[in-house]
Amino acid sequence: MQKFKKVAIIIVGWVFIFLGILGIFLPFLQGILFIMIGLAILSSRSELIRRFLKSLEERYPKQYEKVKSWREKIIALFKKD
């Protein structure tokens, strides 16, 4: 069950990033929001994404706070099991 949960988190994270990329070109999707949610989800599993978010924190502290709050909400959601 733990392995299924890990794979599901990775798939959901990449789906959000894909929707974010589509949202950049389609006016009815919020591209940046979906990308930030996808990064927040993937940051719990990927060291590369964590380092990327760390560099974002240094360059864009306000946007990083949004990602951080989304990440905390997602972690709380999955820990309710």
C-alpha atoms as a PDB file:
ATOM      1  CA  MET A   1       0.000   0.000   0.000  1.00  0.00           C
ATOM      2  CA  GLN A   2       2.875   2.379   0.777  1.00  0.00           C
ATOM      3  CA  LYS A   3       4.393   1.825  -2.674  1.00  0.00           C
ATOM      4  CA  PHE A   4       1.026   2.548  -4.326  1.00  0.00           C
ATOM      5  CA  LYS A   5       0.750   5.777  -2.342  1.00  0.00           C
ATOM      6  CA  LYS A   6       4.253   6.854  -3.415  1.00  0.00           C
ATOM      7  CA  VAL A   7       3.510   6.185  -7.096  1.00  0.00           C
ATOM      8  CA  ALA A   8       0.123   7.934  -6.836  1.00  0.00           C
ATOM      9  CA  ILE A   9       1.756  11.051  -5.365  1.00  0.00           C
ATOM     10  CA  ILE A  10       4.284  11.188  -8.195  1.00  0.00           C
ATOM     11  CA  ILE A  11       1.597  10.709 -10.856  1.00  0.00           C
ATOM     12  CA  VAL A  12      -0.679  13.359  -9.346  1.00  0.00           C
ATOM     13  CA  GLY A  13       2.240  15.801  -9.093  1.00  0.00           C
ATOM     14  CA  TRP A  14       3.164  15.372 -12.745  1.00  0.00           C
ATOM     15  CA  VAL A  15      -0.481  15.644 -13.821  1.00  0.00           C
ATOM     16  CA  PHE A  16      -0.684  19.024 -12.086  1.00  0.00           C
ATOM     17  CA  ILE A  17       2.525  20.172 -13.766  1.00  0.00           C
ATOM     18  CA  PHE A  18       1.183  19.025 -17.148  1.00  0.00           C
ATOM     19  CA  LEU A  19      -2.077  20.912 -16.513  1.00  0.00           C
ATOM     20  CA  GLY A  20      -0.006  23.943 -15.554  1.00  0.00           C
ATOM     21  CA  ILE A  21       1.906  23.819 -18.805  1.00  0.00           C
ATOM     22  CA  LEU A  22      -1.389  23.565 -20.695  1.00  0.00           C
ATOM     23  CA  GLY A  23      -2.721  26.426 -18.582  1.00  0.00           C
ATOM     24  CA  ILE A  24       0.022  28.713 -19.775  1.00  0.00           C
ATOM     25  CA  PHE A  25      -1.392  28.454 -23.298  1.00  0.00           C
ATOM     26  CA  LEU A  26      -5.109  28.044 -22.522  1.00  0.00           C
ATOM     27  CA  PRO A  27      -6.886  31.050 -21.035  1.00  0.00           C
ATOM     28  CA  PHE A  28      -9.318  29.108 -18.807  1.00  0.00           C
ATOM     29  CA  LEU A  29      -6.659  27.234 -16.798  1.00  0.00           C
ATOM     30  CA  GLN A  30      -4.455  28.888 -14.192  1.00  0.00           C
ATOM     31  CA  GLY A  31      -1.072  27.649 -15.393  1.00  0.00           C
ATOM     32  CA  ILE A  32       1.181  28.987 -12.666  1.00  0.00           C
ATOM     33  CA  LEU A  33      -1.160  27.787  -9.924  1.00  0.00           C
ATOM     34  CA  PHE A  34      -1.198  24.223 -11.265  1.00  0.00           C
ATOM     35  CA  ILE A  35       2.572  24.203 -11.677  1.00  0.00           C
ATOM     36  CA  MET A  36       3.029  25.399  -8.101  1.00  0.00           C
ATOM     37  CA  ILE A  37       0.669  22.716  -6.788  1.00  0.00           C
ATOM     38  CA  GLY A  38       2.514  20.071  -8.804  1.00  0.00           C
ATOM     39  CA  LEU A  39       5.866  21.234  -7.440  1.00  0.00           C
ATOM     40  CA  ALA A  40       4.484  21.211  -3.919  1.00  0.00           C
ATOM     41  CA  ILE A  41       3.300  17.629  -4.345  1.00  0.00           C
ATOM     42  CA  LEU A  42       6.528  16.409  -5.928  1.00  0.00           C
ATOM     43  CA  SER A  43       8.749  18.158  -3.392  1.00  0.00           C
ATOM     44  CA  SER A  44       7.832  15.542  -0.802  1.00  0.00           C
ATOM     45  CA  ARG A  45       9.463  12.841  -2.964  1.00  0.00           C
ATOM     46  CA  SER A  46      12.186  14.481  -5.054  1.00  0.00           C
ATOM     47  CA  GLU A  47      15.439  16.029  -3.880  1.00  0.00           C
ATOM     48  CA  LEU A  48      15.798  17.789  -7.243  1.00  0.00           C
ATOM     49  CA  ILE A  49      12.428  19.514  -6.814  1.00  0.00           C
ATOM     50  CA  ARG A  50      13.332  20.487  -3.232  1.00  0.00           C
ATOM     51  CA  ARG A  51      16.551  22.137  -4.433  1.00  0.00           C
ATOM     52  CA  PHE A  52      14.616  23.934  -7.168  1.00  0.00           C
ATOM     53  CA  LEU A  53      12.110  25.217  -4.613  1.00  0.00           C
ATOM     54  CA  LYS A  54      14.994  26.338  -2.392  1.00  0.00           C
ATOM     55  CA  SER A  55      16.371  28.463  -5.237  1.00  0.00           C
ATOM     56  CA  LEU A  56      12.871  29.854  -5.814  1.00  0.00           C
ATOM     57  CA  GLU A  57      12.668  30.753  -2.130  1.00  0.00           C
ATOM     58  CA  GLU A  58      15.762  32.888  -2.448  1.00  0.00           C
ATOM     59  CA  ARG A  59      14.620  34.635  -5.645  1.00  0.00           C
ATOM     60  CA  TYR A  60      10.852  34.920  -5.034  1.00  0.00           C
ATOM     61  CA  PRO A  61      10.022  34.720  -1.314  1.00  0.00           C
ATOM     62  CA  LYS A  62       6.331  35.661  -1.648  1.00  0.00           C
ATOM     63  CA  GLN A  63       5.610  32.993  -4.261  1.00  0.00           C
ATOM     64  CA  TYR A  64       7.570  30.453  -2.247  1.00  0.00           C
ATOM     65  CA  GLU A  65       5.312  31.055   0.731  1.00  0.00           C
ATOM     66  CA  LYS A  66       2.332  30.089  -1.427  1.00  0.00           C
ATOM     67  CA  VAL A  67       4.048  26.865  -2.489  1.00  0.00           C
ATOM     68  CA  LYS A  68       4.986  26.144   1.105  1.00  0.00           C
ATOM     69  CA  SER A  69       1.407  26.568   2.322  1.00  0.00           C
ATOM     70  CA  TRP A  70       0.117  24.272  -0.438  1.00  0.00           C
ATOM     71  CA  ARG A  71       2.767  21.686   0.449  1.00  0.00           C
ATOM     72  CA  GLU A  72       1.757  21.715   4.114  1.00  0.00           C
ATOM     73  CA  LYS A  73      -1.910  21.269   3.192  1.00  0.00           C
ATOM     74  CA  ILE A  74      -1.083  18.337   0.909  1.00  0.00           C
ATOM     75  CA  ILE A  75       1.120  16.653   3.508  1.00  0.00           C
ATOM     76  CA  ALA A  76      -1.636  17.043   6.105  1.00  0.00           C
ATOM     77  CA  LEU A  77      -4.129  15.550   3.678  1.00  0.00           C
ATOM     78  CA  PHE A  78      -2.022  12.417   3.107  1.00  0.00           C
ATOM     79  CA  LYS A  79      -1.114  11.988   6.771  1.00  0.00           C
ATOM     80  CA  LYS A  80      -4.753  11.640   7.826  1.00  0.00           C
ATOM     81  CA  ASP A  81      -4.640   7.941   6.858  1.00  0.00           C
END
